[in-house]
Amino acid sequence: MHKPDLMLLDVMLGDGDGLAVLERLRDGNCAPRNTIALTGHDDDEVRQRCLDAGCAEVLVKPVPIARLLALVQSL
């Protein structure tokens, strides 16, 4: 099975928790190689939850496009 190289993941979804989506993908052996979490919450607790879930980076929205592109290229 082909795994995506990158996933941009919104942490707070309208109908659930984005980190739960990542967990389900991991359980099904379908998780992407790298995940960048996007969140509107700029606090240490949310950041740590994302990192603990396996996200490579956590970006606070709105994300400057230059920052996002640089991060994607670095991964």
PDB file of N, CA and C in Angstrom:
ATOM      1  N   MET A   1       0.848  -1.181   0.000  1.00  0.00           N
ATOM      2  CA  MET A   1       0.000   0.000   0.000  1.00  0.00           C
ATOM      3  C   MET A   1       0.891   1.240   0.000  1.00  0.00           C
ATOM      4  N   HIS A   2       0.536   2.199  -0.832  1.00  0.00           N
ATOM      5  CA  HIS A   2       1.280   3.459  -0.917  1.00  0.00           C
ATOM      6  C   HIS A   2       0.840   4.402   0.199  1.00  0.00           C
ATOM      7  N   LYS A   3       1.810   4.910   0.937  1.00  0.00           N
ATOM      8  CA  LYS A   3       1.530   5.903   1.975  1.00  0.00           C
ATOM      9  C   LYS A   3       1.884   7.277   1.438  1.00  0.00           C
ATOM     10  N   PRO A   4       1.019   8.255   1.670  1.00  0.00           N
ATOM     11  CA  PRO A   4       1.340   9.620   1.233  1.00  0.00           C
ATOM     12  C   PRO A   4       2.600  10.134   1.927  1.00  0.00           C
ATOM     13  N   ASP A   5       3.305  11.021   1.261  1.00  0.00           N
ATOM     14  CA  ASP A   5       4.495  11.626   1.853  1.00  0.00           C
ATOM     15  C   ASP A   5       4.139  12.654   2.917  1.00  0.00           C
ATOM     16  N   LEU A   6       2.988  13.321   2.738  1.00  0.00           N
ATOM     17  CA  LEU A   6       2.645  14.423   3.624  1.00  0.00           C
ATOM     18  C   LEU A   6       1.136  14.562   3.781  1.00  0.00           C
ATOM     19  N   MET A   7       0.728  14.875   4.993  1.00  0.00           N
ATOM     20  CA  MET A   7      -0.669  15.202   5.254  1.00  0.00           C
ATOM     21  C   MET A   7      -0.719  16.493   6.056  1.00  0.00           C
ATOM     22  N   LEU A   8      -1.572  17.425   5.610  1.00  0.00           N
ATOM     23  CA  LEU A   8      -1.877  18.617   6.394  1.00  0.00           C
ATOM     24  C   LEU A   8      -3.134  18.283   7.173  1.00  0.00           C
ATOM     25  N   LEU A   9      -3.063  18.361   8.481  1.00  0.00           N
ATOM     26  CA  LEU A   9      -4.145  17.898   9.341  1.00  0.00           C
ATOM     27  C   LEU A   9      -4.665  19.017  10.225  1.00  0.00           C
ATOM     28  N   ASP A  10      -5.933  19.341  10.056  1.00  0.00           N
ATOM     29  CA  ASP A  10      -6.569  20.320  10.941  1.00  0.00           C
ATOM     30  C   ASP A  10      -6.882  19.604  12.254  1.00  0.00           C
ATOM     31  N   VAL A  11      -6.409  20.130  13.353  1.00  0.00           N
ATOM     32  CA  VAL A  11      -6.571  19.472  14.647  1.00  0.00           C
ATOM     33  C   VAL A  11      -8.027  19.464  15.099  1.00  0.00           C
ATOM     34  N   MET A  12      -8.714  20.570  14.915  1.00  0.00           N
ATOM     35  CA  MET A  12     -10.106  20.670  15.352  1.00  0.00           C
ATOM     36  C   MET A  12     -11.031  20.622  14.140  1.00  0.00           C
ATOM     37  N   LEU A  13     -11.613  19.469  13.902  1.00  0.00           N
ATOM     38  CA  LEU A  13     -12.543  19.303  12.790  1.00  0.00           C
ATOM     39  C   LEU A  13     -13.958  19.578  13.274  1.00  0.00           C
ATOM     40  N   GLY A  14     -14.811  19.961  12.362  1.00  0.00           N
ATOM     41  CA  GLY A  14     -16.192  20.247  12.718  1.00  0.00           C
ATOM     42  C   GLY A  14     -16.927  19.049  13.289  1.00  0.00           C
ATOM     43  N   ASP A  15     -16.524  17.859  12.877  1.00  0.00           N
ATOM     44  CA  ASP A  15     -17.215  16.655  13.330  1.00  0.00           C
ATOM     45  C   ASP A  15     -16.305  15.700  14.098  1.00  0.00           C
ATOM     46  N   GLY A  16     -15.175  16.189  14.595  1.00  0.00           N
ATOM     47  CA  GLY A  16     -14.296  15.309  15.353  1.00  0.00           C
ATOM     48  C   GLY A  16     -12.919  15.896  15.573  1.00  0.00           C
ATOM     49  N   ASP A  17     -12.045  15.056  16.063  1.00  0.00           N
ATOM     50  CA  ASP A  17     -10.679  15.425  16.415  1.00  0.00           C
ATOM     51  C   ASP A  17      -9.736  14.950  15.314  1.00  0.00           C
ATOM     52  N   GLY A  18      -8.990  15.873  14.724  1.00  0.00           N
ATOM     53  CA  GLY A  18      -8.055  15.516  13.670  1.00  0.00           C
ATOM     54  C   GLY A  18      -7.005  14.515  14.110  1.00  0.00           C
ATOM     55  N   LEU A  19      -6.591  14.582  15.362  1.00  0.00           N
ATOM     56  CA  LEU A  19      -5.584  13.634  15.844  1.00  0.00           C
ATOM     57  C   LEU A  19      -6.148  12.223  15.918  1.00  0.00           C
ATOM     58  N   ALA A  20      -7.453  12.084  16.112  1.00  0.00           N
ATOM     59  CA  ALA A  20      -8.090  10.767  16.081  1.00  0.00           C
ATOM     60  C   ALA A  20      -8.049  10.193  14.666  1.00  0.00           C
ATOM     61  N   VAL A  21      -8.154  11.066  13.667  1.00  0.00           N
ATOM     62  CA  VAL A  21      -8.031  10.622  12.272  1.00  0.00           C
ATOM     63  C   VAL A  21      -6.632  10.054  12.039  1.00  0.00           C
ATOM     64  N   LEU A  22      -5.623  10.759  12.520  1.00  0.00           N
ATOM     65  CA  LEU A  22      -4.249  10.290  12.371  1.00  0.00           C
ATOM     66  C   LEU A  22      -4.072   8.941  13.068  1.00  0.00           C
ATOM     67  N   GLU A  23      -4.646   8.786  14.232  1.00  0.00           N
ATOM     68  CA  GLU A  23      -4.549   7.514  14.951  1.00  0.00           C
ATOM     69  C   GLU A  23      -5.199   6.378  14.163  1.00  0.00           C
ATOM     70  N   ARG A  24      -6.376   6.636  13.587  1.00  0.00           N
ATOM     71  CA  ARG A  24      -7.053   5.597  12.788  1.00  0.00           C
ATOM     72  C   ARG A  24      -6.227   5.237  11.550  1.00  0.00           C
ATOM     73  N   LEU A  25      -5.623   6.228  10.927  1.00  0.00           N
ATOM     74  CA  LEU A  25      -4.761   5.937   9.777  1.00  0.00           C
ATOM     75  C   LEU A  25      -3.569   5.084  10.194  1.00  0.00           C
ATOM     76  N   ARG A  26      -3.002   5.411  11.330  1.00  0.00           N
ATOM     77  CA  ARG A  26      -1.861   4.644  11.835  1.00  0.00           C
ATOM     78  C   ARG A  26      -2.278   3.212  12.163  1.00  0.00           C
ATOM     79  N   ASP A  27      -3.443   3.048  12.784  1.00  0.00           N
ATOM     80  CA  ASP A  27      -3.951   1.711  13.111  1.00  0.00           C
ATOM     81  C   ASP A  27      -4.172   0.869  11.856  1.00  0.00           C
ATOM     82  N   GLY A  28      -4.553   1.527  10.764  1.00  0.00           N
ATOM     83  CA  GLY A  28      -4.772   0.829   9.500  1.00  0.00           C
ATOM     84  C   GLY A  28      -3.530   0.761   8.629  1.00  0.00           C
ATOM     85  N   ASN A  29      -2.401   1.128   9.188  1.00  0.00           N
ATOM     86  CA  ASN A  29      -1.121   1.127   8.476  1.00  0.00           C
ATOM     87  C   ASN A  29      -1.167   2.004   7.219  1.00  0.00           C
ATOM     88  N   CYS A  30      -1.900   3.107   7.318  1.00  0.00           N
ATOM     89  CA  CYS A  30      -2.051   4.022   6.180  1.00  0.00           C
ATOM     90  C   CYS A  30      -1.558   5.429   6.496  1.00  0.00           C
ATOM     91  N   ALA A  31      -0.922   5.604   7.621  1.00  0.00           N
ATOM     92  CA  ALA A  31      -0.497   6.947   8.026  1.00  0.00           C
ATOM     93  C   ALA A  31       0.548   7.493   7.061  1.00  0.00           C
ATOM     94  N   PRO A  32       0.487   8.781   6.788  1.00  0.00           N
ATOM     95  CA  PRO A  32       1.488   9.390   5.909  1.00  0.00           C
ATOM     96  C   PRO A  32       2.861   9.398   6.570  1.00  0.00           C
ATOM     97  N   ARG A  33       3.871   9.592   5.753  1.00  0.00           N
ATOM     98  CA  ARG A  33       5.245   9.640   6.291  1.00  0.00           C
ATOM     99  C   ARG A  33       5.440  10.835   7.225  1.00  0.00           C
ATOM    100  N   ASN A  34       4.827  11.963   6.882  1.00  0.00           N
ATOM    101  CA  ASN A  34       4.918  13.182   7.689  1.00  0.00           C
ATOM    102  C   ASN A  34       3.545  13.820   7.802  1.00  0.00           C
ATOM    103  N   THR A  35       3.278  14.375   8.967  1.00  0.00           N
ATOM    104  CA  THR A  35       2.026  15.090   9.185  1.00  0.00           C
ATOM    105  C   THR A  35       2.340  16.451   9.778  1.00  0.00           C
ATOM    106  N   ILE A  36       1.734  17.467   9.191  1.00  0.00           N
ATOM    107  CA  ILE A  36       1.821  18.820   9.730  1.00  0.00           C
ATOM    108  C   ILE A  36       0.452  19.150  10.306  1.00  0.00           C
ATOM    109  N   ALA A  37       0.409  19.438  11.587  1.00  0.00           N
ATOM    110  CA  ALA A  37      -0.844  19.798  12.240  1.00  0.00           C
ATOM    111  C   ALA A  37      -1.092  21.293  12.083  1.00  0.00           C
ATOM    112  N   LEU A  38      -2.326  21.640  11.778  1.00  0.00           N
ATOM    113  CA  LEU A  38      -2.753  23.033  11.678  1.00  0.00           C
ATOM    114  C   LEU A  38      -3.789  23.277  12.762  1.00  0.00           C
ATOM    115  N   THR A  39      -3.610  24.343  13.524  1.00  0.00           N
ATOM    116  CA  THR A  39      -4.530  24.622  14.617  1.00  0.00           C
ATOM    117  C   THR A  39      -4.694  26.122  14.817  1.00  0.00           C
ATOM    118  N   GLY A  40      -5.806  26.490  15.365  1.00  0.00           N
ATOM    119  CA  GLY A  40      -6.040  27.881  15.732  1.00  0.00           C
ATOM    120  C   GLY A  40      -5.701  28.143  17.184  1.00  0.00           C
ATOM    121  N   HIS A  41      -5.260  27.101  17.896  1.00  0.00           N
ATOM    122  CA  HIS A  41      -4.961  27.207  19.326  1.00  0.00           C
ATOM    123  C   HIS A  41      -3.457  27.274  19.537  1.00  0.00           C
ATOM    124  N   ASP A  42      -2.994  28.416  19.965  1.00  0.00           N
ATOM    125  CA  ASP A  42      -1.567  28.630  20.183  1.00  0.00           C
ATOM    126  C   ASP A  42      -1.232  28.434  21.655  1.00  0.00           C
ATOM    127  N   ASP A  43      -1.257  27.173  22.081  1.00  0.00           N
ATOM    128  CA  ASP A  43      -0.884  26.898  23.468  1.00  0.00           C
ATOM    129  C   ASP A  43      -0.061  25.617  23.538  1.00  0.00           C
ATOM    130  N   ASP A  44       0.713  25.501  24.606  1.00  0.00           N
ATOM    131  CA  ASP A  44       1.649  24.388  24.754  1.00  0.00           C
ATOM    132  C   ASP A  44       0.954  23.035  24.822  1.00  0.00           C
ATOM    133  N   GLU A  45      -0.222  22.969  25.427  1.00  0.00           N
ATOM    134  CA  GLU A  45      -0.928  21.687  25.570  1.00  0.00           C
ATOM    135  C   GLU A  45      -1.327  21.116  24.204  1.00  0.00           C
ATOM    136  N   VAL A  46      -1.906  21.948  23.357  1.00  0.00           N
ATOM    137  CA  VAL A  46      -2.306  21.484  22.023  1.00  0.00           C
ATOM    138  C   VAL A  46      -1.073  21.095  21.218  1.00  0.00           C
ATOM    139  N   ARG A  47      -0.046  21.929  21.280  1.00  0.00           N
ATOM    140  CA  ARG A  47       1.200  21.627  20.561  1.00  0.00           C
ATOM    141  C   ARG A  47       1.768  20.284  21.004  1.00  0.00           C
ATOM    142  N   GLN A  48       1.801  20.025  22.289  1.00  0.00           N
ATOM    143  CA  GLN A  48       2.368  18.776  22.788  1.00  0.00           C
ATOM    144  C   GLN A  48       1.517  17.575  22.382  1.00  0.00           C
ATOM    145  N   ARG A  49       0.184  17.736  22.402  1.00  0.00           N
ATOM    146  CA  ARG A  49      -0.710  16.648  21.942  1.00  0.00           C
ATOM    147  C   ARG A  49      -0.402  16.270  20.499  1.00  0.00           C
ATOM    148  N   CYS A  50      -0.176  17.271  19.668  1.00  0.00           N
ATOM    149  CA  CYS A  50       0.125  17.031  18.255  1.00  0.00           C
ATOM    150  C   CYS A  50       1.458  16.307  18.094  1.00  0.00           C
ATOM    151  N   LEU A  51       2.460  16.773  18.792  1.00  0.00           N
ATOM    152  CA  LEU A  51       3.776  16.143  18.707  1.00  0.00           C
ATOM    153  C   LEU A  51       3.738  14.722  19.250  1.00  0.00           C
ATOM    154  N   ASP A  52       3.030  14.527  20.357  1.00  0.00           N
ATOM    155  CA  ASP A  52       2.894  13.183  20.931  1.00  0.00           C
ATOM    156  C   ASP A  52       2.168  12.230  19.983  1.00  0.00           C
ATOM    157  N   ALA A  53       1.263  12.780  19.165  1.00  0.00           N
ATOM    158  CA  ALA A  53       0.515  11.966  18.204  1.00  0.00           C
ATOM    159  C   ALA A  53       1.354  11.623  16.978  1.00  0.00           C
ATOM    160  N   GLY A  54       2.544  12.237  16.870  1.00  0.00           N
ATOM    161  CA  GLY A  54       3.436  11.910  15.775  1.00  0.00           C
ATOM    162  C   GLY A  54       3.532  12.955  14.684  1.00  0.00           C
ATOM    163  N   CYS A  55       2.982  14.117  14.914  1.00  0.00           N
ATOM    164  CA  CYS A  55       3.078  15.187  13.919  1.00  0.00           C
ATOM    165  C   CYS A  55       4.511  15.707  13.862  1.00  0.00           C
ATOM    166  N   ALA A  56       4.973  15.978  12.661  1.00  0.00           N
ATOM    167  CA  ALA A  56       6.334  16.485  12.485  1.00  0.00           C
ATOM    168  C   ALA A  56       6.450  17.935  12.908  1.00  0.00           C
ATOM    169  N   GLU A  57       5.348  18.678  12.752  1.00  0.00           N
ATOM    170  CA  GLU A  57       5.355  20.101  13.076  1.00  0.00           C
ATOM    171  C   GLU A  57       3.931  20.539  13.371  1.00  0.00           C
ATOM    172  N   VAL A  58       3.816  21.632  14.113  1.00  0.00           N
ATOM    173  CA  VAL A  58       2.514  22.222  14.446  1.00  0.00           C
ATOM    174  C   VAL A  58       2.560  23.685  14.027  1.00  0.00           C
ATOM    175  N   LEU A  59       1.604  24.082  13.185  1.00  0.00           N
ATOM    176  CA  LEU A  59       1.521  25.456  12.729  1.00  0.00           C
ATOM    177  C   LEU A  59       0.209  26.072  13.197  1.00  0.00           C
ATOM    178  N   VAL A  60       0.294  27.323  13.641  1.00  0.00           N
ATOM    179  CA  VAL A  60      -0.898  28.034  14.111  1.00  0.00           C
ATOM    180  C   VAL A  60      -1.477  28.842  12.956  1.00  0.00           C
ATOM    181  N   LYS A  61      -2.783  28.650  12.743  1.00  0.00           N
ATOM    182  CA  LYS A  61      -3.486  29.383  11.669  1.00  0.00           C
ATOM    183  C   LYS A  61      -3.735  30.815  12.104  1.00  0.00           C
ATOM    184  N   PRO A  62      -3.734  31.728  11.166  1.00  0.00           N
ATOM    185  CA  PRO A  62      -3.452  31.521   9.743  1.00  0.00           C
ATOM    186  C   PRO A  62      -1.957  31.341   9.518  1.00  0.00           C
ATOM    187  N   VAL A  63      -1.637  30.424   8.640  1.00  0.00           N
ATOM    188  CA  VAL A  63      -0.239  30.089   8.367  1.00  0.00           C
ATOM    189  C   VAL A  63       0.245  30.888   7.154  1.00  0.00           C
ATOM    190  N   PRO A  64       1.318  31.638   7.311  1.00  0.00           N
ATOM    191  CA  PRO A  64       1.883  32.327   6.149  1.00  0.00           C
ATOM    192  C   PRO A  64       2.311  31.294   5.097  1.00  0.00           C
ATOM    193  N   ILE A  65       1.912  31.498   3.864  1.00  0.00           N
ATOM    194  CA  ILE A  65       2.175  30.520   2.810  1.00  0.00           C
ATOM    195  C   ILE A  65       3.671  30.258   2.636  1.00  0.00           C
ATOM    196  N   ALA A  66       4.498  31.273   2.797  1.00  0.00           N
ATOM    197  CA  ALA A  66       5.949  31.074   2.664  1.00  0.00           C
ATOM    198  C   ALA A  66       6.458  30.111   3.734  1.00  0.00           C
ATOM    199  N   ARG A  67       5.924  30.217   4.949  1.00  0.00           N
ATOM    200  CA  ARG A  67       6.324  29.311   6.044  1.00  0.00           C
ATOM    201  C   ARG A  67       5.908  27.885   5.733  1.00  0.00           C
ATOM    202  N   LEU A  68       4.680  27.724   5.247  1.00  0.00           N
ATOM    203  CA  LEU A  68       4.179  26.388   4.917  1.00  0.00           C
ATOM    204  C   LEU A  68       5.001  25.764   3.790  1.00  0.00           C
ATOM    205  N   LEU A  69       5.270  26.514   2.745  1.00  0.00           N
ATOM    206  CA  LEU A  69       6.042  25.989   1.628  1.00  0.00           C
ATOM    207  C   LEU A  69       7.461  25.607   2.043  1.00  0.00           C
ATOM    208  N   ALA A  70       8.082  26.429   2.871  1.00  0.00           N
ATOM    209  CA  ALA A  70       9.431  26.119   3.353  1.00  0.00           C
ATOM    210  C   ALA A  70       9.434  24.843   4.182  1.00  0.00           C
ATOM    211  N   LEU A  71       8.425  24.686   5.012  1.00  0.00           N
ATOM    212  CA  LEU A  71       8.346  23.481   5.850  1.00  0.00           C
ATOM    213  C   LEU A  71       8.121  22.235   4.990  1.00  0.00           C
ATOM    214  N   VAL A  72       7.214  22.332   4.033  1.00  0.00           N
ATOM    215  CA  VAL A  72       6.935  21.198   3.146  1.00  0.00           C
ATOM    216  C   VAL A  72       8.209  20.798   2.391  1.00  0.00           C
ATOM    217  N   GLN A  73       8.941  21.769   1.896  1.00  0.00           N
ATOM    218  CA  GLN A  73      10.186  21.462   1.170  1.00  0.00           C
ATOM    219  C   GLN A  73      11.227  20.828   2.084  1.00  0.00           C
ATOM    220  N   SER A  74      11.224  21.178   3.363  1.00  0.00           N
ATOM    221  CA  SER A  74      12.218  20.623   4.283  1.00  0.00           C
ATOM    222  C   SER A  74      11.911  19.183   4.657  1.00  0.00           C
ATOM    223  N   LEU A  75      10.672  18.786   4.514  1.00  0.00           N
ATOM    224  CA  LEU A  75      10.291  17.423   4.856  1.00  0.00           C
ATOM    225  C   LEU A  75      10.503  16.520   3.648  1.00  0.00           C
TER     226      LEU A  75
END
